[in-house]
Structures are given as C-alpha cells and as structure tokens.
Protein backbone atom coordinates (compact mmCIF):
# COMPACT_ATOMS: atom_id res chain seq x y z
CA UNK A 1 -23.19 26.04 51.02
CA UNK A 2 -19.42 26.37 51.08
CA UNK A 3 -16.66 24.94 48.96
CA UNK A 4 -18.40 21.76 47.79
CA UNK A 5 -20.22 23.98 45.25
CA UNK A 6 -17.01 25.24 43.65
CA UNK A 7 -13.40 24.19 43.29
CA UNK A 8 -11.21 25.07 46.25
CA UNK A 9 -8.12 26.93 45.13
CA UNK A 10 -4.57 26.80 46.46
CA UNK A 11 -3.80 29.21 49.27
CA UNK A 12 -0.22 29.79 48.10
CA UNK A 13 1.61 29.72 44.78
CA UNK A 14 3.55 26.61 43.81
CA UNK A 15 6.62 28.80 43.22
CA UNK A 16 6.61 29.76 46.90
CA UNK A 17 7.27 26.14 47.88
CA UNK A 18 10.80 25.78 46.56
CA UNK A 19 13.20 24.81 49.35
CA UNK A 20 10.63 25.68 52.01
CA UNK A 21 10.50 24.07 55.46
CA UNK A 22 7.26 23.21 57.23
CA UNK A 23 6.52 22.09 60.75
CA UNK A 24 3.98 19.56 59.44
CA UNK A 25 3.24 18.39 55.90
CA UNK A 26 -0.04 16.49 55.57
CA UNK A 27 -0.43 14.32 52.46
CA UNK A 28 -4.13 13.79 51.81
CA UNK A 29 -7.06 16.13 52.51
CA UNK A 30 -9.58 13.53 53.64
CA UNK A 31 -11.20 13.34 57.06
CA UNK A 32 -8.04 12.21 58.86
CA UNK A 33 -5.59 14.56 57.19
CA UNK A 34 -7.76 17.67 57.29
CA UNK A 35 -8.80 17.10 60.92
CA UNK A 36 -5.19 16.65 62.02
CA UNK A 37 -4.27 19.83 60.11
CA UNK A 38 -6.96 21.80 61.95
CA UNK A 39 -5.78 20.69 65.38
CA UNK A 40 -2.08 21.13 64.61
CA UNK A 41 -2.53 24.56 63.03
CA UNK A 42 -4.40 25.68 66.13
CA UNK A 43 -1.29 24.91 68.20
CA UNK A 44 0.61 27.46 66.12
CA UNK A 45 2.50 25.04 63.86
CA UNK A 46 3.15 25.86 60.21
CA UNK A 47 1.05 23.27 58.37
CA UNK A 48 0.75 22.45 54.67
CA UNK A 49 -1.95 20.12 53.28
CA UNK A 50 -1.46 18.65 49.81
CA UNK A 51 -4.18 16.76 47.95
CA UNK A 52 -3.56 14.82 44.73
CA UNK A 53 -7.02 15.42 43.27
CA UNK A 54 -9.03 18.45 42.31
CA UNK A 55 -10.96 19.56 45.36
CA UNK A 56 -13.64 18.95 46.46
CA UNK A 57 -14.17 15.39 45.24
CA UNK A 58 -16.37 12.50 46.18
CA UNK A 59 -14.86 9.38 47.73
CA UNK A 60 -16.14 5.84 48.13
CA UNK A 61 -17.79 6.05 51.52
CA UNK A 62 -21.05 5.11 53.17
CA UNK A 63 -21.21 8.71 54.36
CA UNK A 64 -22.41 7.85 57.87
CA UNK A 65 -21.02 9.43 61.02
CA UNK A 66 -21.58 7.36 64.14
CA UNK A 67 -21.74 8.80 67.66
CA UNK A 68 -17.97 8.70 68.21
CA UNK A 69 -17.41 10.56 64.95
CA UNK A 70 -20.04 13.14 65.88
CA UNK A 71 -18.34 13.67 69.24
CA UNK A 72 -14.98 14.19 67.51
CA UNK A 73 -16.44 16.71 65.06
CA UNK A 74 -18.06 18.54 68.00
CA UNK A 75 -14.69 18.78 69.76
CA UNK A 76 -13.06 20.06 66.56
CA UNK A 77 -15.87 22.61 66.33
CA UNK A 78 -17.46 21.76 62.96
CA UNK A 79 -20.47 19.58 63.83
CA UNK A 80 -22.98 22.44 64.04
CA UNK A 81 -21.72 23.88 60.76
CA UNK A 82 -22.03 20.47 59.12
CA UNK A 83 -25.67 20.26 60.13
CA UNK A 84 -26.26 23.73 58.68
CA UNK A 85 -24.93 22.40 55.39
CA UNK A 86 -27.74 19.87 55.16
CA UNK A 87 -26.35 16.72 56.78
CA UNK A 88 -29.17 14.20 57.29
CA UNK A 89 -30.04 12.57 60.61
CA UNK A 90 -30.68 8.80 60.40
CA UNK A 91 -32.47 6.95 63.19
CA UNK A 92 -33.68 3.73 61.55
CA UNK A 93 -31.99 0.74 59.95
CA UNK A 94 -33.78 -1.31 57.30
CA UNK A 95 -32.00 -4.62 56.81
CA UNK A 96 -33.00 -6.59 53.72
CA UNK A 97 -31.92 -10.11 52.77
CA UNK A 98 -33.34 -12.51 50.14
CA UNK A 99 -36.20 -13.60 52.43
CA UNK A 100 -35.93 -11.19 55.34
CA UNK A 101 -36.86 -7.55 55.80
CA UNK A 102 -36.75 -5.77 59.17
CA UNK A 103 -36.78 -2.15 60.32
CA UNK A 104 -35.14 -1.34 63.62
CA UNK A 105 -34.54 1.90 65.52
CA UNK A 106 -30.87 2.75 65.84
CA UNK A 107 -28.76 5.33 67.66
CA UNK A 108 -28.58 8.61 65.77
CA UNK A 109 -26.21 8.67 62.82
CA UNK A 110 -25.49 11.55 60.47
CA UNK A 111 -25.29 11.07 56.70
CA UNK A 112 -23.28 13.45 54.53
CA UNK A 113 -21.45 13.56 51.22
CA UNK A 114 -17.70 13.36 51.52
CA UNK A 115 -17.35 16.37 49.24
CA UNK A 116 -19.28 18.41 51.82
CA UNK A 117 -17.55 17.06 54.92
CA UNK A 118 -14.02 17.19 53.53
CA UNK A 119 -14.51 20.70 52.13
CA UNK A 120 -15.75 21.95 55.48
CA UNK A 121 -12.77 20.40 57.27
CA UNK A 122 -10.23 21.83 54.80
CA UNK A 123 -11.84 25.27 54.98
CA UNK A 124 -11.67 25.10 58.78
CA UNK A 125 -7.99 24.13 58.57
CA UNK A 126 -7.29 27.13 56.34
CA UNK A 127 -9.08 29.40 58.80
CA UNK A 128 -6.90 27.92 61.55
CA UNK A 129 -3.78 28.97 59.61
CA UNK A 130 -2.94 25.91 57.48
CA UNK A 131 -2.00 26.19 53.80
CA UNK A 132 -3.67 24.08 51.12
CA UNK A 133 -2.54 22.81 47.72
CA UNK A 134 -5.01 20.73 45.64
CA UNK A 135 -4.00 18.76 42.54
CA UNK A 136 -0.56 18.25 44.07
CA UNK A 137 1.08 14.86 44.50
CA UNK A 138 3.26 14.36 47.57
CA UNK A 139 6.04 11.76 47.46
CA UNK A 140 8.19 10.95 50.47
CA UNK A 141 11.85 10.92 49.41
CA UNK A 142 13.71 7.85 50.62
CA UNK A 143 15.97 8.59 53.57
CA UNK A 144 19.11 6.44 53.71
CA UNK A 145 20.68 8.17 56.68
CA UNK A 146 20.85 6.48 60.07
CA UNK A 147 20.89 9.80 61.92
CA UNK A 148 18.11 12.31 62.39
CA UNK A 149 18.64 15.47 60.39
CA UNK A 150 15.63 17.13 61.96
CA UNK A 151 13.50 17.05 58.80
CA UNK A 152 12.14 14.73 56.10
CA UNK A 153 12.20 15.67 52.42
CA UNK A 154 9.11 15.41 50.25
CA UNK A 155 8.74 15.86 46.51
CA UNK A 156 5.67 17.85 45.49
CA UNK A 157 4.50 17.84 41.88
CA UNK A 158 1.61 19.12 39.82
CA UNK A 159 1.01 19.06 36.08
CA UNK A 160 3.76 21.57 35.40
CA UNK A 161 6.25 21.71 38.26
CA UNK A 162 8.26 19.62 40.70
CA UNK A 163 9.73 21.01 43.91
CA UNK A 164 11.35 19.55 47.01
CA UNK A 165 10.32 20.73 50.46
CA UNK A 166 11.27 19.79 54.00
CA UNK A 167 9.07 19.07 56.98
CA UNK A 168 9.80 18.34 60.62
CA UNK A 169 6.94 15.86 60.50
CA UNK A 170 5.09 14.20 57.62
CA UNK A 171 1.57 12.83 58.08
CA UNK A 172 0.59 10.28 55.42
CA UNK A 173 -3.19 10.30 55.11
CA UNK A 174 -3.62 9.47 51.42
CA UNK A 175 -5.84 6.42 51.87
CA UNK A 176 -5.56 2.72 51.18
CA UNK A 177 -3.04 2.93 48.33
CA UNK A 178 -0.54 5.20 50.14
CA UNK A 179 1.00 6.27 46.84
CA UNK A 180 3.16 8.82 48.66
CA UNK A 181 5.29 5.99 50.10
CA UNK A 182 6.23 4.21 46.87
CA UNK A 183 9.86 5.31 47.05
CA UNK A 184 10.26 4.32 50.71
CA UNK A 185 10.79 0.71 51.80
CA UNK A 186 9.22 -0.99 54.81
CA UNK A 187 5.64 0.22 54.32
CA UNK A 188 4.06 -2.98 53.04
CA UNK A 189 0.38 -3.65 53.64
CA UNK A 190 -1.30 -6.96 54.40
CA UNK A 191 -4.50 -7.40 52.37
CA UNK A 192 -7.12 -9.89 53.52
CA UNK A 193 -7.47 -12.51 50.75
CA UNK A 194 -11.29 -12.42 50.81
CA UNK A 195 -11.48 -8.64 50.84
CA UNK A 196 -14.16 -6.94 48.79
CA UNK A 197 -14.01 -3.87 46.56
CA UNK A 198 -15.83 -0.71 47.58
CA UNK A 199 -17.94 1.11 44.99
CA UNK A 200 -20.08 4.20 45.28
CA UNK A 201 -22.28 6.58 43.33
CA UNK A 202 -24.23 9.70 44.24
CA UNK A 203 -27.73 9.84 42.73
CA UNK A 204 -30.41 12.50 42.63
CA UNK A 205 -32.97 12.19 45.40
CA UNK A 206 -35.73 12.47 42.78
CA UNK A 207 -34.64 9.09 41.38
CA UNK A 208 -35.29 7.42 44.75
CA UNK A 209 -38.80 8.40 45.71
CA UNK A 210 -38.96 5.45 48.15
CA UNK A 211 -35.78 6.47 49.98
CA UNK A 212 -36.83 7.43 53.51
CA UNK A 213 -34.72 10.42 54.56
CA UNK A 214 -34.29 9.09 58.11
CA UNK A 215 -33.53 5.47 57.25
CA UNK A 216 -30.32 3.66 56.39
CA UNK A 217 -31.06 0.73 54.08
CA UNK A 218 -28.65 -2.20 54.11
CA UNK A 219 -29.24 -4.84 51.42
CA UNK A 220 -27.25 -8.05 51.84
CA UNK A 221 -26.74 -10.58 49.03
CA UNK A 222 -24.43 -13.51 48.34
CA UNK A 223 -21.79 -11.44 46.56
CA UNK A 224 -21.90 -8.20 48.49
CA UNK A 225 -23.98 -5.66 50.35
CA UNK A 226 -25.36 -2.25 49.43
CA UNK A 227 -26.02 0.70 51.72
CA UNK A 228 -28.44 3.43 50.63
CA UNK A 229 -29.04 6.66 52.54
CA UNK A 230 -30.15 10.22 51.91
CA UNK A 231 -27.38 12.82 52.11
CA UNK A 232 -27.16 16.59 51.84
CA UNK A 233 -27.95 18.42 48.63
CA UNK A 234 -31.06 16.35 47.91
CA UNK A 235 -28.86 13.42 46.95
CA UNK A 236 -28.70 9.72 47.78
CA UNK A 237 -25.48 7.88 48.61
CA UNK A 238 -25.24 4.35 47.18
CA UNK A 239 -22.22 2.57 48.66
CA UNK A 240 -21.47 -1.13 48.26
CA UNK A 241 -18.82 -3.73 49.01
CA UNK A 242 -18.72 -6.32 46.22
CA UNK A 243 -16.71 -9.50 45.63
CA UNK A 244 -14.10 -8.58 42.98
CA UNK A 245 -14.78 -11.68 40.82
CA UNK A 246 -18.51 -10.92 40.83
CA UNK A 247 -17.78 -7.33 39.86
CA UNK A 248 -15.87 -8.55 36.82
CA UNK A 249 -18.56 -11.04 35.84
CA UNK A 250 -21.24 -8.38 36.03
CA UNK A 251 -19.09 -6.01 33.95
CA UNK A 252 -19.24 -3.06 36.26
CA UNK A 253 -20.53 -1.65 39.54
CA UNK A 254 -23.96 -0.64 38.27
CA UNK A 255 -24.87 -4.14 37.10
CA UNK A 256 -23.39 -5.73 40.23
CA UNK A 257 -25.34 -3.46 42.59
CA UNK A 258 -28.54 -4.02 40.62
CA UNK A 259 -28.07 -7.78 40.89
CA UNK A 260 -27.65 -7.60 44.68
CA UNK A 261 -30.87 -5.59 44.91
CA UNK A 262 -32.74 -8.00 42.65
CA UNK A 263 -31.55 -10.95 44.71
CA UNK A 264 -33.21 -9.34 47.73
CA UNK A 265 -36.44 -8.68 45.86
CA UNK A 266 -35.90 -4.95 45.31
CA UNK A 267 -36.84 -4.83 41.65
CA UNK A 268 -38.45 -1.42 42.11
CA UNK A 269 -35.13 0.23 43.02
CA UNK A 270 -33.66 0.64 39.57
CA UNK A 271 -29.98 1.57 39.69
CA UNK A 272 -29.17 3.72 36.69
CA UNK A 273 -26.09 2.39 34.93
CA UNK A 274 -25.38 5.95 33.76
CA UNK A 275 -24.39 6.94 37.29
CA UNK A 276 -20.76 7.84 37.85
CA UNK A 277 -19.27 5.01 39.91
CA UNK A 278 -16.12 5.26 41.98
CA UNK A 279 -14.18 2.22 43.19
CA UNK A 280 -11.50 1.36 45.75
CA UNK A 281 -8.74 -1.23 45.82
CA UNK A 282 -9.40 -4.29 47.99
CA UNK A 283 -10.79 -2.84 51.21
CA UNK A 284 -9.73 -4.86 54.24
CA UNK A 285 -6.03 -4.43 54.93
CA UNK A 286 -3.58 -3.51 57.63
CA UNK A 287 -0.16 -1.89 57.79
CA UNK A 288 2.85 -3.68 59.22
CA UNK A 289 4.42 -0.33 60.11
CA UNK A 290 2.57 2.68 61.47
CA UNK A 291 5.43 5.19 61.84
CA UNK A 292 9.08 5.73 61.00
CA UNK A 293 11.44 8.63 61.49
CA UNK A 294 9.28 11.76 61.47
CA UNK A 295 6.58 10.01 59.39
CA UNK A 296 3.20 8.86 60.72
CA UNK A 297 0.34 7.04 59.00
CA UNK A 298 -3.17 8.29 59.65
CA UNK A 299 -6.73 7.17 58.89
CA UNK A 300 -7.24 4.61 56.13
CA UNK A 301 -3.49 4.61 55.45
CA UNK A 302 -3.21 2.66 58.71
CA UNK A 303 -5.69 0.05 57.47
CA UNK A 304 -9.39 -0.55 56.98
CA UNK A 305 -11.93 -3.14 58.01
CA UNK A 306 -15.33 -3.65 56.40
CA UNK A 307 -18.21 -2.94 56.59
CA UNK A 308 -19.45 0.62 55.96
CA UNK A 309 -20.89 1.33 59.42
CA UNK A 310 -19.29 4.73 59.95
CA UNK A 311 -16.33 3.16 61.73
CA UNK A 312 -13.93 4.29 59.00
CA UNK A 313 -14.61 7.98 59.58
CA UNK A 314 -14.70 7.48 63.34
CA UNK A 315 -11.29 5.81 63.08
CA UNK A 316 -9.97 8.69 60.96
CA UNK A 317 -11.13 11.34 63.41
CA UNK A 318 -9.88 9.46 66.47
CA UNK A 319 -6.43 8.99 64.93
CA UNK A 320 -6.30 12.70 64.01
CA UNK A 321 -6.96 13.71 67.61
CA UNK A 322 -4.50 11.17 69.03
CA UNK A 323 -1.60 12.14 66.77
CA UNK A 324 -1.47 15.80 67.85
CA UNK A 325 0.62 15.48 71.06
CA UNK A 326 3.05 13.12 69.33
CA UNK A 327 3.55 15.43 66.35
CA UNK A 328 4.09 18.47 68.55
CA UNK A 329 6.87 16.56 70.32
CA UNK A 330 8.67 15.92 67.01
CA UNK A 331 9.14 19.66 66.55
CA UNK A 332 11.85 19.78 69.21
CA UNK A 333 13.31 16.29 69.03
CA UNK A 334 12.90 12.85 67.50
CA UNK A 335 13.01 9.53 69.29
CA UNK A 336 12.09 6.06 68.09
CA UNK A 337 9.93 5.94 71.20
CA UNK A 338 7.51 8.31 69.44
CA UNK A 339 7.03 5.77 66.64
CA UNK A 340 6.55 3.04 69.22
CA UNK A 341 4.05 5.18 71.09
CA UNK A 342 2.01 5.67 67.94
CA UNK A 343 2.16 1.98 67.10
CA UNK A 344 0.90 1.07 70.57
CA UNK A 345 -2.03 3.50 70.28
CA UNK A 346 -2.96 2.10 66.86
CA UNK A 347 -2.80 -1.49 68.08
CA UNK A 348 -4.89 -0.80 71.18
CA UNK A 349 -7.47 1.33 69.35
CA UNK A 350 -7.82 -1.02 66.38
CA UNK A 351 -8.44 -4.04 68.59
CA UNK A 352 -11.18 -2.22 70.44
CA UNK A 353 -12.90 -0.62 67.45
CA UNK A 354 -12.50 -3.19 64.70
CA UNK A 355 -13.61 -6.32 66.57
CA UNK A 356 -17.29 -5.64 65.85
CA UNK A 357 -16.53 -4.66 62.25
CA UNK A 358 -14.74 -7.95 61.65
CA UNK A 359 -17.68 -9.89 63.10
CA UNK A 360 -20.19 -7.99 60.98
CA UNK A 361 -18.05 -8.36 57.87
CA UNK A 362 -17.88 -12.12 58.37
CA UNK A 363 -21.64 -12.43 58.91
CA UNK A 364 -22.45 -10.28 55.87
CA UNK A 365 -20.65 -12.79 53.67
CA UNK A 366 -23.22 -15.40 54.59
CA UNK A 367 -26.80 -14.09 54.25
CA UNK A 368 -28.22 -17.20 55.90
CA UNK A 369 -26.16 -16.60 59.04
CA UNK A 370 -27.20 -12.95 58.96
CA UNK A 371 -30.85 -14.05 58.66
CA UNK A 372 -30.51 -16.30 61.73
CA UNK A 373 -29.00 -13.38 63.65
CA UNK A 374 -32.00 -11.27 62.62
CA UNK A 375 -34.41 -13.94 63.89
CA UNK A 376 -32.49 -14.10 67.16
CA UNK A 377 -32.70 -10.34 67.54
CA UNK A 378 -36.45 -10.48 67.01
CA UNK A 379 -36.83 -12.79 69.98
CA UNK A 380 -34.13 -11.13 72.09
CA UNK A 381 -34.50 -7.33 71.89
CA UNK A 382 -31.55 -6.75 74.30
CA UNK A 383 -29.29 -8.60 71.84
CA UNK A 384 -30.56 -6.42 69.01
CA UNK A 385 -29.97 -3.24 70.99
CA UNK A 386 -26.43 -4.29 71.90
CA UNK A 387 -25.57 -5.17 68.30
CA UNK A 388 -26.96 -1.85 67.10
CA UNK A 389 -25.05 0.01 69.75
CA UNK A 390 -21.77 -1.66 68.84
CA UNK A 391 -22.30 -1.20 65.11
CA UNK A 392 -23.34 2.45 65.20
CA UNK A 393 -21.63 3.94 68.23
C-alpha cells in the first residue's frame, strides 16, 4: 500500500518558496484539489498543492464512490490502482428504521478510506509534476486593486516560517470552512438552519463481525442517520449526520451514534466510545460567490448537501475536471467572464446533482415518511430502482 501507511513528505523545501511564482496554487489536498492538480500538471502547468494538516489524514466522509465518481477516477487514471489498494465493492443497501428493515440490491459503489484515496491522488499529482507541501496553511492575501496584475498573492505558513508567493490562479479546495479566505471579503456562505453535523470514526473490522463486506448499512433515527460500510485495510467506516443539539445532549459522537442504533433496535452493534471521532461544521451550505479575480472555489468549498450518498466526492471530481479549461485560460489573460462561466457551470451542475440529495435529506429527517417510502418501494419495484439509481449514480 502506498502513502496512507506513512506520512507523505514535502517535495520541496519551504525556503525555496520565497517570492516564487506558480501557474496554479491549490489550497487543500482533498479529492477536488488533488484531482485538479493532476489534470493541470498534465497540461504542463507549474502546480503547487498545500495542505494544512499532516498527510495522509482521515476526513469525515461516508467513503462511497458512486458511478459518476468511478467514471471520473477512471478518466484520471487512478481507479484500477485504487482497487489494487483494497477498495471494497458494495452492491447492497440495508436500510434500517425503528420498525423497518429492508435489503435492496443497488448499483455498484466503491467504499474506501479517505486517507487511501487522497494519498493516491496526491501521489499521482506528484508523478504528473506537481509539488506538494503538507502541514502548510495557505491564506489568500486581500487584493484591493481594481486592475489585474496577472497574479494573486498567497501567504504560506508552517510552524516555523511565513512566506509570500504569487500564482496566476488560486484554487480554493479547503473544504466547508474555507479558512484560506478569511482575509478576503465577499466569500460568505449560506448555512441551512436545520443543517446537521457530520461525524465519523474508523473502526477495526474485527469489532464488526456482522458487517457484510458488500453491504452499505443506513440506519435512520429521529435525530440523525448512520452509515456503516467496510473499507480497505480491514476497517469499517462509521459516518453519521447528527442534529447538533442532540449531539450536545448526548455529550459526544459515540453516545449519539449508539443512541441512533439503539432506537432502530441494533443493540448488538456496540459503538466503542474509545474510537477517535472526527466532526465537521454544519454540513448543508452554499456559497454566494464561486469565483473572483484569478480565484476559484472547488469541491466542498462551493457548498455541500446532505446526505452521505457519495454525491460529495462525485461533485468534487466533476468540479475538478470542469475547472481545467478555465484555469488554463487564466494563464494568458483574465476576464470577469471566466468567473461568470464558472458560476454558471456550478449553478447548472448543482441543480442537477443536488435535487435528489435535498429530497433524501428531507425524508431522512422524518423516519415515518422514510418508512412509507420504503413500503411504497416494496409494492412498486420500478420506483425503488429509480430511487436507487438517482441516489447512487
């Protein structure tokens, strides 16, 4: 197995960065940022990826790749390698509610740890010619000029040093919080008031003897839902979206997830409170602005919609592929039309891909409604197949 077994090191010294100029600076080494870096480096551009955390790292994610995501990874050229690294094929969905339990076939999905997927993508970007700096915070420096100077300035910092660099294009792919934009105005996000918090832990497969390796389990309770699936490395991914008030009342993710399982009668699935839990800010949000002069948002930085159906990673990969021709154009010239072009793509793509997610998210807040949908699908198999297709492809 590659880099997810050991820390990935920087591919250049921090001292080499001072006053440097890059064609593209990518902030964030997740699925969106790393995939964009691969594609842009392959065009011959000088690309630098910076990642705030030690790498590799886990992230709150259901870990499922739907068919669109698989197709994107195949085009990038990493899908076969991902399978060699132990990614798990899922072909069944087990949906469990307080008084309902069904198992349905579903279109093939692939389940993988984010540490494995992101490491593979970053390594592929490096092989394509990109440079990589982990444990480095990128901060866009506010630009007060009305004219285009041809570059944007970014402050890069680690535990010991601070340097300023320039880039002809900056891709912001640092997730929901978008900490790299704190010094720049106009990048407000709109958070859905009823949004849930995402939590996740990776457990040993030996602790889940009843976890079918080919089955995605979705457990839906009044205060949230939990997804459980086998992943590479003989591990199990436990990802959940929980109401923030309930999370506080239960005094932590482990207790909250256990309560959702108990509510659905799964007393035999004991969630160990000693697991290391990660958490997100409020999940469902959108960005009022998608691009500005020589700066483009990518992936979750553009926004996110529950639930964990693999749509998040599909969205990240699709946006990475779509941004390439726009970024290459910025190398010779800048026009506000490029920002408008990106905004139009985001608006069109989000309407098409997030409609089903919004419907599912709404239903999952009301287990009784979800139960009625399940009963309807039992009597109308074509309805079930269409819902499964929309949710997983």
